[in-house]
Amino acid sequence: MEYITYDNRIAAVDNGEEVGEVTFAESECTYTINHTYVDDCLRGQGIAAELVRRAVEEIENRGGRVEATCSYALLWLARNRGRNIEDTPIACPIRTKN
């Protein structure tokens, strides 16, 4: 699996095909992870976790503050960074890649 970092997203690429992504929007040094996607046939293999981990690392390397509206990213932050998600709205619908 190869991970490619773009301006506001990180893609997971397997054998030349994009199979997952995490996207994040920037506003005044705050980056909001707003979407995480992994192809159905590859779910459960840790790819989404790796995408979010890389996004958090990239945001922090840019000197930004990490926030999330994506439900998966919110759970990842709670599990891995001790963030409290009880009062955070979840605004990331499950979508399929076309």
PDB file of N, CA and C in Angstrom:
ATOM      1  N   MET A   1       0.849  -1.173   0.000  1.00  0.00           N
ATOM      2  CA  MET A   1       0.000   0.000   0.000  1.00  0.00           C
ATOM      3  C   MET A   1       0.892   1.233   0.000  1.00  0.00           C
ATOM      4  N   GLU A   2       0.559   2.174  -0.847  1.00  0.00           N
ATOM      5  CA  GLU A   2       1.275   3.439  -0.924  1.00  0.00           C
ATOM      6  C   GLU A   2       0.321   4.548  -0.492  1.00  0.00           C
ATOM      7  N   TYR A   3       0.846   5.529   0.231  1.00  0.00           N
ATOM      8  CA  TYR A   3       0.049   6.668   0.675  1.00  0.00           C
ATOM      9  C   TYR A   3       0.625   7.928   0.049  1.00  0.00           C
ATOM     10  N   ILE A   4      -0.233   8.695  -0.610  1.00  0.00           N
ATOM     11  CA  ILE A   4       0.200   9.903  -1.301  1.00  0.00           C
ATOM     12  C   ILE A   4      -0.480  11.106  -0.657  1.00  0.00           C
ATOM     13  N   THR A   5       0.330  12.079  -0.248  1.00  0.00           N
ATOM     14  CA  THR A   5      -0.186  13.280   0.401  1.00  0.00           C
ATOM     15  C   THR A   5      -0.348  14.397  -0.616  1.00  0.00           C
ATOM     16  N   TYR A   6      -1.534  14.970  -0.652  1.00  0.00           N
ATOM     17  CA  TYR A   6      -1.851  16.127  -1.486  1.00  0.00           C
ATOM     18  C   TYR A   6      -2.103  17.315  -0.559  1.00  0.00           C
ATOM     19  N   ASP A   7      -2.515  18.452  -1.108  1.00  0.00           N
ATOM     20  CA  ASP A   7      -2.739  19.643  -0.284  1.00  0.00           C
ATOM     21  C   ASP A   7      -3.723  19.398   0.863  1.00  0.00           C
ATOM     22  N   ASN A   8      -4.879  18.855   0.572  1.00  0.00           N
ATOM     23  CA  ASN A   8      -5.907  18.700   1.594  1.00  0.00           C
ATOM     24  C   ASN A   8      -6.500  17.296   1.636  1.00  0.00           C
ATOM     25  N   ARG A   9      -5.683  16.324   1.241  1.00  0.00           N
ATOM     26  CA  ARG A   9      -6.136  14.940   1.330  1.00  0.00           C
ATOM     27  C   ARG A   9      -4.940  14.009   1.241  1.00  0.00           C
ATOM     28  N   ILE A  10      -5.152  12.792   1.714  1.00  0.00           N
ATOM     29  CA  ILE A  10      -4.162  11.736   1.598  1.00  0.00           C
ATOM     30  C   ILE A  10      -4.874  10.542   0.980  1.00  0.00           C
ATOM     31  N   ALA A  11      -4.263   9.980  -0.054  1.00  0.00           N
ATOM     32  CA  ALA A  11      -4.856   8.852  -0.761  1.00  0.00           C
ATOM     33  C   ALA A  11      -4.095   7.577  -0.457  1.00  0.00           C
ATOM     34  N   ALA A  12      -4.832   6.467  -0.361  1.00  0.00           N
ATOM     35  CA  ALA A  12      -4.242   5.140  -0.262  1.00  0.00           C
ATOM     36  C   ALA A  12      -4.317   4.525  -1.653  1.00  0.00           C
ATOM     37  N   VAL A  13      -3.180   4.076  -2.151  1.00  0.00           N
ATOM     38  CA  VAL A  13      -3.106   3.536  -3.504  1.00  0.00           C
ATOM     39  C   VAL A  13      -2.550   2.116  -3.440  1.00  0.00           C
ATOM     40  N   ASP A  14      -3.259   1.197  -4.085  1.00  0.00           N
ATOM     41  CA  ASP A  14      -2.859  -0.204  -4.112  1.00  0.00           C
ATOM     42  C   ASP A  14      -2.760  -0.647  -5.569  1.00  0.00           C
ATOM     43  N   ASN A  15      -1.581  -1.055  -5.976  1.00  0.00           N
ATOM     44  CA  ASN A  15      -1.352  -1.481  -7.364  1.00  0.00           C
ATOM     45  C   ASN A  15      -1.808  -0.434  -8.380  1.00  0.00           C
ATOM     46  N   GLY A  16      -1.523   0.833  -8.075  1.00  0.00           N
ATOM     47  CA  GLY A  16      -1.854   1.920  -8.991  1.00  0.00           C
ATOM     48  C   GLY A  16      -3.287   2.411  -8.927  1.00  0.00           C
ATOM     49  N   GLU A  17      -4.112   1.800  -8.103  1.00  0.00           N
ATOM     50  CA  GLU A  17      -5.525   2.187  -7.987  1.00  0.00           C
ATOM     51  C   GLU A  17      -5.782   2.837  -6.633  1.00  0.00           C
ATOM     52  N   GLU A  18      -6.456   3.993  -6.644  1.00  0.00           N
ATOM     53  CA  GLU A  18      -6.809   4.651  -5.387  1.00  0.00           C
ATOM     54  C   GLU A  18      -7.926   3.868  -4.714  1.00  0.00           C
ATOM     55  N   VAL A  19      -7.662   3.427  -3.480  1.00  0.00           N
ATOM     56  CA  VAL A  19      -8.613   2.583  -2.773  1.00  0.00           C
ATOM     57  C   VAL A  19      -9.127   3.215  -1.482  1.00  0.00           C
ATOM     58  N   GLY A  20      -8.630   4.390  -1.156  1.00  0.00           N
ATOM     59  CA  GLY A  20      -9.086   5.068   0.047  1.00  0.00           C
ATOM     60  C   GLY A  20      -8.563   6.486   0.093  1.00  0.00           C
ATOM     61  N   GLU A  21      -9.185   7.287   0.959  1.00  0.00           N
ATOM     62  CA  GLU A  21      -8.729   8.662   1.124  1.00  0.00           C
ATOM     63  C   GLU A  21      -9.228   9.228   2.440  1.00  0.00           C
ATOM     64  N   VAL A  22      -8.516  10.237   2.899  1.00  0.00           N
ATOM     65  CA  VAL A  22      -8.965  11.062   4.015  1.00  0.00           C
ATOM     66  C   VAL A  22      -8.803  12.495   3.533  1.00  0.00           C
ATOM     67  N   THR A  23      -9.807  13.328   3.815  1.00  0.00           N
ATOM     68  CA  THR A  23      -9.746  14.726   3.392  1.00  0.00           C
ATOM     69  C   THR A  23      -9.834  15.628   4.608  1.00  0.00           C
ATOM     70  N   PHE A  24      -9.205  16.803   4.494  1.00  0.00           N
ATOM     71  CA  PHE A  24      -9.231  17.760   5.598  1.00  0.00           C
ATOM     72  C   PHE A  24      -9.223  19.169   5.024  1.00  0.00           C
ATOM     73  N   ALA A  25     -10.044  20.025   5.618  1.00  0.00           N
ATOM     74  CA  ALA A  25     -10.174  21.415   5.187  1.00  0.00           C
ATOM     75  C   ALA A  25      -9.458  22.318   6.184  1.00  0.00           C
ATOM     76  N   GLU A  26      -8.881  23.395   5.667  1.00  0.00           N
ATOM     77  CA  GLU A  26      -8.147  24.328   6.523  1.00  0.00           C
ATOM     78  C   GLU A  26      -8.905  25.640   6.669  1.00  0.00           C
ATOM     79  N   SER A  27      -8.892  26.150   7.880  1.00  0.00           N
ATOM     80  CA  SER A  27      -9.449  27.472   8.165  1.00  0.00           C
ATOM     81  C   SER A  27      -8.668  28.061   9.322  1.00  0.00           C
ATOM     82  N   GLU A  28      -7.886  29.086   9.046  1.00  0.00           N
ATOM     83  CA  GLU A  28      -7.125  29.797  10.078  1.00  0.00           C
ATOM     84  C   GLU A  28      -6.317  28.859  10.972  1.00  0.00           C
ATOM     85  N   CYS A  29      -5.472  28.060  10.375  1.00  0.00           N
ATOM     86  CA  CYS A  29      -4.564  27.137  11.080  1.00  0.00           C
ATOM     87  C   CYS A  29      -5.266  25.990  11.793  1.00  0.00           C
ATOM     88  N   THR A  30      -6.554  25.821  11.557  1.00  0.00           N
ATOM     89  CA  THR A  30      -7.282  24.665  12.065  1.00  0.00           C
ATOM     90  C   THR A  30      -7.670  23.811  10.876  1.00  0.00           C
ATOM     91  N   TYR A  31      -7.342  22.545  10.958  1.00  0.00           N
ATOM     92  CA  TYR A  31      -7.675  21.608   9.888  1.00  0.00           C
ATOM     93  C   TYR A  31      -8.750  20.668  10.407  1.00  0.00           C
ATOM     94  N   THR A  32      -9.821  20.525   9.639  1.00  0.00           N
ATOM     95  CA  THR A  32     -10.921  19.656  10.029  1.00  0.00           C
ATOM     96  C   THR A  32     -10.939  18.427   9.130  1.00  0.00           C
ATOM     97  N   ILE A  33     -10.722  17.269   9.730  1.00  0.00           N
ATOM     98  CA  ILE A  33     -10.832  16.020   8.969  1.00  0.00           C
ATOM     99  C   ILE A  33     -12.320  15.790   8.757  1.00  0.00           C
ATOM    100  N   ASN A  34     -12.738  15.814   7.486  1.00  0.00           N
ATOM    101  CA  ASN A  34     -14.164  15.797   7.197  1.00  0.00           C
ATOM    102  C   ASN A  34     -14.649  14.568   6.427  1.00  0.00           C
ATOM    103  N   HIS A  35     -13.737  13.690   6.038  1.00  0.00           N
ATOM    104  CA  HIS A  35     -14.176  12.521   5.269  1.00  0.00           C
ATOM    105  C   HIS A  35     -13.082  11.462   5.268  1.00  0.00           C
ATOM    106  N   THR A  36     -13.476  10.226   5.497  1.00  0.00           N
ATOM    107  CA  THR A  36     -12.573   9.087   5.377  1.00  0.00           C
ATOM    108  C   THR A  36     -13.299   8.016   4.570  1.00  0.00           C
ATOM    109  N   TYR A  37     -12.620   7.461   3.596  1.00  0.00           N
ATOM    110  CA  TYR A  37     -13.223   6.436   2.742  1.00  0.00           C
ATOM    111  C   TYR A  37     -12.204   5.333   2.461  1.00  0.00           C
ATOM    112  N   VAL A  38     -12.658   4.080   2.516  1.00  0.00           N
ATOM    113  CA  VAL A  38     -11.861   2.933   2.086  1.00  0.00           C
ATOM    114  C   VAL A  38     -12.789   2.020   1.288  1.00  0.00           C
ATOM    115  N   ASP A  39     -12.288   1.524   0.170  1.00  0.00           N
ATOM    116  CA  ASP A  39     -13.051   0.617  -0.673  1.00  0.00           C
ATOM    117  C   ASP A  39     -13.590  -0.547   0.156  1.00  0.00           C
ATOM    118  N   ASP A  40     -14.822  -0.935  -0.119  1.00  0.00           N
ATOM    119  CA  ASP A  40     -15.485  -1.997   0.650  1.00  0.00           C
ATOM    120  C   ASP A  40     -14.649  -3.266   0.792  1.00  0.00           C
ATOM    121  N   CYS A  41     -13.977  -3.683  -0.272  1.00  0.00           N
ATOM    122  CA  CYS A  41     -13.253  -4.960  -0.231  1.00  0.00           C
ATOM    123  C   CYS A  41     -11.989  -4.896   0.628  1.00  0.00           C
ATOM    124  N   LEU A  42     -11.588  -3.693   1.060  1.00  0.00           N
ATOM    125  CA  LEU A  42     -10.378  -3.550   1.868  1.00  0.00           C
ATOM    126  C   LEU A  42     -10.655  -3.075   3.292  1.00  0.00           C
ATOM    127  N   ARG A  43     -11.917  -2.934   3.645  1.00  0.00           N
ATOM    128  CA  ARG A  43     -12.248  -2.466   4.989  1.00  0.00           C
ATOM    129  C   ARG A  43     -11.853  -3.506   6.026  1.00  0.00           C
ATOM    130  N   GLY A  44     -11.540  -3.014   7.227  1.00  0.00           N
ATOM    131  CA  GLY A  44     -11.167  -3.900   8.314  1.00  0.00           C
ATOM    132  C   GLY A  44      -9.697  -4.279   8.329  1.00  0.00           C
ATOM    133  N   GLN A  45      -8.897  -3.648   7.471  1.00  0.00           N
ATOM    134  CA  GLN A  45      -7.473  -3.968   7.390  1.00  0.00           C
ATOM    135  C   GLN A  45      -6.585  -2.857   7.944  1.00  0.00           C
ATOM    136  N   GLY A  46      -7.205  -1.847   8.575  1.00  0.00           N
ATOM    137  CA  GLY A  46      -6.417  -0.782   9.192  1.00  0.00           C
ATOM    138  C   GLY A  46      -6.054   0.368   8.265  1.00  0.00           C
ATOM    139  N   ILE A  47      -6.581   0.361   7.052  1.00  0.00           N
ATOM    140  CA  ILE A  47      -6.241   1.411   6.092  1.00  0.00           C
ATOM    141  C   ILE A  47      -6.818   2.750   6.521  1.00  0.00           C
ATOM    142  N   ALA A  48      -8.056   2.779   6.979  1.00  0.00           N
ATOM    143  CA  ALA A  48      -8.661   4.041   7.435  1.00  0.00           C
ATOM    144  C   ALA A  48      -7.890   4.606   8.621  1.00  0.00           C
ATOM    145  N   ALA A  49      -7.501   3.743   9.537  1.00  0.00           N
ATOM    146  CA  ALA A  49      -6.730   4.200  10.696  1.00  0.00           C
ATOM    147  C   ALA A  49      -5.404   4.811  10.254  1.00  0.00           C
ATOM    148  N   GLU A  50      -4.753   4.172   9.305  1.00  0.00           N
ATOM    149  CA  GLU A  50      -3.478   4.685   8.813  1.00  0.00           C
ATOM    150  C   GLU A  50      -3.672   6.016   8.088  1.00  0.00           C
ATOM    151  N   LEU A  51      -4.750   6.152   7.338  1.00  0.00           N
ATOM    152  CA  LEU A  51      -5.043   7.418   6.659  1.00  0.00           C
ATOM    153  C   LEU A  51      -5.238   8.544   7.668  1.00  0.00           C
ATOM    154  N   VAL A  52      -6.024   8.294   8.709  1.00  0.00           N
ATOM    155  CA  VAL A  52      -6.270   9.328   9.716  1.00  0.00           C
ATOM    156  C   VAL A  52      -4.989   9.628  10.488  1.00  0.00           C
ATOM    157  N   ARG A  53      -4.223   8.604  10.828  1.00  0.00           N
ATOM    158  CA  ARG A  53      -2.958   8.832  11.529  1.00  0.00           C
ATOM    159  C   ARG A  53      -2.040   9.718  10.704  1.00  0.00           C
ATOM    160  N   ARG A  54      -1.946   9.437   9.419  1.00  0.00           N
ATOM    161  CA  ARG A  54      -1.105  10.242   8.539  1.00  0.00           C
ATOM    162  C   ARG A  54      -1.643  11.665   8.398  1.00  0.00           C
ATOM    163  N   ALA A  55      -2.967  11.812   8.358  1.00  0.00           N
ATOM    164  CA  ALA A  55      -3.554  13.154   8.261  1.00  0.00           C
ATOM    165  C   ALA A  55      -3.229  13.966   9.508  1.00  0.00           C
ATOM    166  N   VAL A  56      -3.376  13.369  10.676  1.00  0.00           N
ATOM    167  CA  VAL A  56      -3.063  14.062  11.928  1.00  0.00           C
ATOM    168  C   VAL A  56      -1.587  14.454  11.949  1.00  0.00           C
ATOM    169  N   GLU A  57      -0.726  13.548  11.549  1.00  0.00           N
ATOM    170  CA  GLU A  57       0.709  13.833  11.510  1.00  0.00           C
ATOM    171  C   GLU A  57       1.010  14.978  10.530  1.00  0.00           C
ATOM    172  N   GLU A  58       0.385  14.952   9.369  1.00  0.00           N
ATOM    173  CA  GLU A  58       0.599  16.002   8.369  1.00  0.00           C
ATOM    174  C   GLU A  58       0.112  17.359   8.885  1.00  0.00           C
ATOM    175  N   ILE A  59      -1.063  17.372   9.482  1.00  0.00           N
ATOM    176  CA  ILE A  59      -1.618  18.623  10.022  1.00  0.00           C
ATOM    177  C   ILE A  59      -0.709  19.183  11.110  1.00  0.00           C
ATOM    178  N   GLU A  60      -0.267  18.332  12.008  1.00  0.00           N
ATOM    179  CA  GLU A  60       0.618  18.786  13.084  1.00  0.00           C
ATOM    180  C   GLU A  60       1.962  19.256  12.537  1.00  0.00           C
ATOM    181  N   ASN A  61       2.474  18.597  11.503  1.00  0.00           N
ATOM    182  CA  ASN A  61       3.721  19.042  10.882  1.00  0.00           C
ATOM    183  C   ASN A  61       3.576  20.416  10.232  1.00  0.00           C
ATOM    184  N   ARG A  62       2.376  20.734   9.804  1.00  0.00           N
ATOM    185  CA  ARG A  62       2.102  22.048   9.229  1.00  0.00           C
ATOM    186  C   ARG A  62       1.873  23.105  10.309  1.00  0.00           C
ATOM    187  N   GLY A  63       1.878  22.684  11.557  1.00  0.00           N
ATOM    188  CA  GLY A  63       1.646  23.603  12.663  1.00  0.00           C
ATOM    189  C   GLY A  63       0.179  23.879  12.917  1.00  0.00           C
ATOM    190  N   GLY A  64      -0.679  23.025  12.377  1.00  0.00           N
ATOM    191  CA  GLY A  64      -2.123  23.230  12.510  1.00  0.00           C
ATOM    192  C   GLY A  64      -2.724  22.503  13.696  1.00  0.00           C
ATOM    193  N   ARG A  65      -3.939  22.886  13.989  1.00  0.00           N
ATOM    194  CA  ARG A  65      -4.747  22.263  15.049  1.00  0.00           C
ATOM    195  C   ARG A  65      -5.687  21.268  14.383  1.00  0.00           C
ATOM    196  N   VAL A  66      -5.855  20.090  14.954  1.00  0.00           N
ATOM    197  CA  VAL A  66      -6.675  19.028  14.372  1.00  0.00           C
ATOM    198  C   VAL A  66      -8.073  19.046  14.970  1.00  0.00           C
ATOM    199  N   GLU A  67      -9.069  19.054  14.091  1.00  0.00           N
ATOM    200  CA  GLU A  67     -10.465  18.857  14.471  1.00  0.00           C
ATOM    201  C   GLU A  67     -11.047  17.823  13.517  1.00  0.00           C
ATOM    202  N   ALA A  68     -12.242  17.335  13.822  1.00  0.00           N
ATOM    203  CA  ALA A  68     -12.873  16.359  12.936  1.00  0.00           C
ATOM    204  C   ALA A  68     -14.380  16.485  12.961  1.00  0.00           C
ATOM    205  N   THR A  69     -14.991  16.286  11.796  1.00  0.00           N
ATOM    206  CA  THR A  69     -16.436  16.134  11.700  1.00  0.00           C
ATOM    207  C   THR A  69     -16.777  14.743  11.169  1.00  0.00           C
ATOM    208  N   CYS A  70     -15.800  14.053  10.648  1.00  0.00           N
ATOM    209  CA  CYS A  70     -15.979  12.688  10.156  1.00  0.00           C
ATOM    210  C   CYS A  70     -16.100  11.742  11.353  1.00  0.00           C
ATOM    211  N   SER A  71     -17.117  10.909  11.353  1.00  0.00           N
ATOM    212  CA  SER A  71     -17.349  10.023  12.501  1.00  0.00           C
ATOM    213  C   SER A  71     -16.171   9.075  12.748  1.00  0.00           C
ATOM    214  N   TYR A  72     -15.572   8.555  11.708  1.00  0.00           N
ATOM    215  CA  TYR A  72     -14.441   7.654  11.898  1.00  0.00           C
ATOM    216  C   TYR A  72     -13.262   8.392  12.518  1.00  0.00           C
ATOM    217  N   ALA A  73     -12.962   9.576  12.002  1.00  0.00           N
ATOM    218  CA  ALA A  73     -11.841  10.361  12.542  1.00  0.00           C
ATOM    219  C   ALA A  73     -12.096  10.747  13.997  1.00  0.00           C
ATOM    220  N   LEU A  74     -13.337  11.072  14.335  1.00  0.00           N
ATOM    221  CA  LEU A  74     -13.671  11.398  15.723  1.00  0.00           C
ATOM    222  C   LEU A  74     -13.372  10.214  16.644  1.00  0.00           C
ATOM    223  N   LEU A  75     -13.768   9.030  16.227  1.00  0.00           N
ATOM    224  CA  LEU A  75     -13.498   7.837  17.035  1.00  0.00           C
ATOM    225  C   LEU A  75     -12.001   7.554  17.119  1.00  0.00           C
ATOM    226  N   TRP A  76     -11.291   7.733  16.019  1.00  0.00           N
ATOM    227  CA  TRP A  76      -9.846   7.514  16.026  1.00  0.00           C
ATOM    228  C   TRP A  76      -9.162   8.473  16.989  1.00  0.00           C
ATOM    229  N   LEU A  77      -9.551   9.737  16.951  1.00  0.00           N
ATOM    230  CA  LEU A  77      -8.959  10.723  17.858  1.00  0.00           C
ATOM    231  C   LEU A  77      -9.264  10.382  19.313  1.00  0.00           C
ATOM    232  N   ALA A  78     -10.474   9.912  19.581  1.00  0.00           N
ATOM    233  CA  ALA A  78     -10.837   9.544  20.948  1.00  0.00           C
ATOM    234  C   ALA A  78      -9.998   8.368  21.437  1.00  0.00           C
ATOM    235  N   ARG A  79      -9.815   7.388  20.579  1.00  0.00           N
ATOM    236  CA  ARG A  79      -9.062   6.186  20.959  1.00  0.00           C
ATOM    237  C   ARG A  79      -7.559   6.427  21.038  1.00  0.00           C
ATOM    238  N   ASN A  80      -7.041   7.255  20.162  1.00  0.00           N
ATOM    239  CA  ASN A  80      -5.599   7.394  20.036  1.00  0.00           C
ATOM    240  C   ASN A  80      -5.033   8.690  20.600  1.00  0.00           C
ATOM    241  N   ARG A  81      -5.868   9.650  20.832  1.00  0.00           N
ATOM    242  CA  ARG A  81      -5.391  10.935  21.327  1.00  0.00           C
ATOM    243  C   ARG A  81      -6.134  11.389  22.577  1.00  0.00           C
ATOM    244  N   GLY A  82      -7.037  10.562  23.091  1.00  0.00           N
ATOM    245  CA  GLY A  82      -7.761  10.892  24.305  1.00  0.00           C
ATOM    246  C   GLY A  82      -8.728  12.049  24.155  1.00  0.00           C
ATOM    247  N   ARG A  83      -9.184  12.290  22.938  1.00  0.00           N
ATOM    248  CA  ARG A  83     -10.123  13.385  22.718  1.00  0.00           C
ATOM    249  C   ARG A  83     -11.520  12.980  23.170  1.00  0.00           C
ATOM    250  N   ASN A  84     -12.258  13.934  23.727  1.00  0.00           N
ATOM    251  CA  ASN A  84     -13.634  13.689  24.147  1.00  0.00           C
ATOM    252  C   ASN A  84     -14.553  13.990  22.977  1.00  0.00           C
ATOM    253  N   ILE A  85     -15.363  13.012  22.565  1.00  0.00           N
ATOM    254  CA  ILE A  85     -16.230  13.218  21.420  1.00  0.00           C
ATOM    255  C   ILE A  85     -17.715  13.319  21.785  1.00  0.00           C
ATOM    256  N   GLU A  86     -18.046  13.300  23.070  1.00  0.00           N
ATOM    257  CA  GLU A  86     -19.451  13.281  23.483  1.00  0.00           C
ATOM    258  C   GLU A  86     -20.254  14.457  22.947  1.00  0.00           C
ATOM    259  N   ASP A  87     -19.678  15.644  22.939  1.00  0.00           N
ATOM    260  CA  ASP A  87     -20.418  16.823  22.525  1.00  0.00           C
ATOM    261  C   ASP A  87     -20.084  17.283  21.108  1.00  0.00           C
ATOM    262  N   THR A  88     -19.394  16.450  20.356  1.00  0.00           N
ATOM    263  CA  THR A  88     -19.007  16.820  19.005  1.00  0.00           C
ATOM    264  C   THR A  88     -20.015  16.270  18.019  1.00  0.00           C
ATOM    265  N   PRO A  89     -20.591  17.124  17.166  1.00  0.00           N
ATOM    266  CA  PRO A  89     -21.562  16.627  16.188  1.00  0.00           C
ATOM    267  C   PRO A  89     -20.880  15.752  15.151  1.00  0.00           C
ATOM    268  N   ILE A  90     -21.561  14.727  14.738  1.00  0.00           N
ATOM    269  CA  ILE A  90     -21.047  13.853  13.689  1.00  0.00           C
ATOM    270  C   ILE A  90     -21.721  14.254  12.396  1.00  0.00           C
ATOM    271  N   ALA A  91     -20.914  14.659  11.421  1.00  0.00           N
ATOM    272  CA  ALA A  91     -21.469  15.179  10.169  1.00  0.00           C
ATOM    273  C   ALA A  91     -20.820  14.526   8.958  1.00  0.00           C
ATOM    274  N   CYS A  92     -20.539  13.246   9.052  1.00  0.00           N
ATOM    275  CA  CYS A  92     -19.868  12.558   7.942  1.00  0.00           C
ATOM    276  C   CYS A  92     -20.731  11.389   7.499  1.00  0.00           C
ATOM    277  N   PRO A  93     -21.564  11.587   6.484  1.00  0.00           N
ATOM    278  CA  PRO A  93     -22.385  10.475   6.023  1.00  0.00           C
ATOM    279  C   PRO A  93     -21.530   9.408   5.356  1.00  0.00           C
ATOM    280  N   ILE A  94     -21.982   8.202   5.405  1.00  0.00           N
ATOM    281  CA  ILE A  94     -21.272   7.129   4.731  1.00  0.00           C
ATOM    282  C   ILE A  94     -21.569   7.244   3.252  1.00  0.00           C
ATOM    283  N   ARG A  95     -20.496   7.338   2.464  1.00  0.00           N
ATOM    284  CA  ARG A  95     -20.646   7.461   1.022  1.00  0.00           C
ATOM    285  C   ARG A  95     -19.823   6.383   0.346  1.00  0.00           C
ATOM    286  N   THR A  96     -20.214   6.055  -0.869  1.00  0.00           N
ATOM    287  CA  THR A  96     -19.425   5.115  -1.651  1.00  0.00           C
ATOM    288  C   THR A  96     -18.691   5.893  -2.720  1.00  0.00           C
ATOM    289  N   LYS A  97     -17.552   5.403  -3.096  1.00  0.00           N
ATOM    290  CA  LYS A  97     -16.721   6.036  -4.122  1.00  0.00           C
ATOM    291  C   LYS A  97     -17.265   5.668  -5.482  1.00  0.00           C
ATOM    292  N   ASN A  98     -17.454   6.648  -6.342  1.00  0.00           N
ATOM    293  CA  ASN A  98     -17.953   6.385  -7.708  1.00  0.00           C
ATOM    294  C   ASN A  98     -16.816   6.230  -8.665  1.00  0.00           C
TER     295      ASN A  98
END
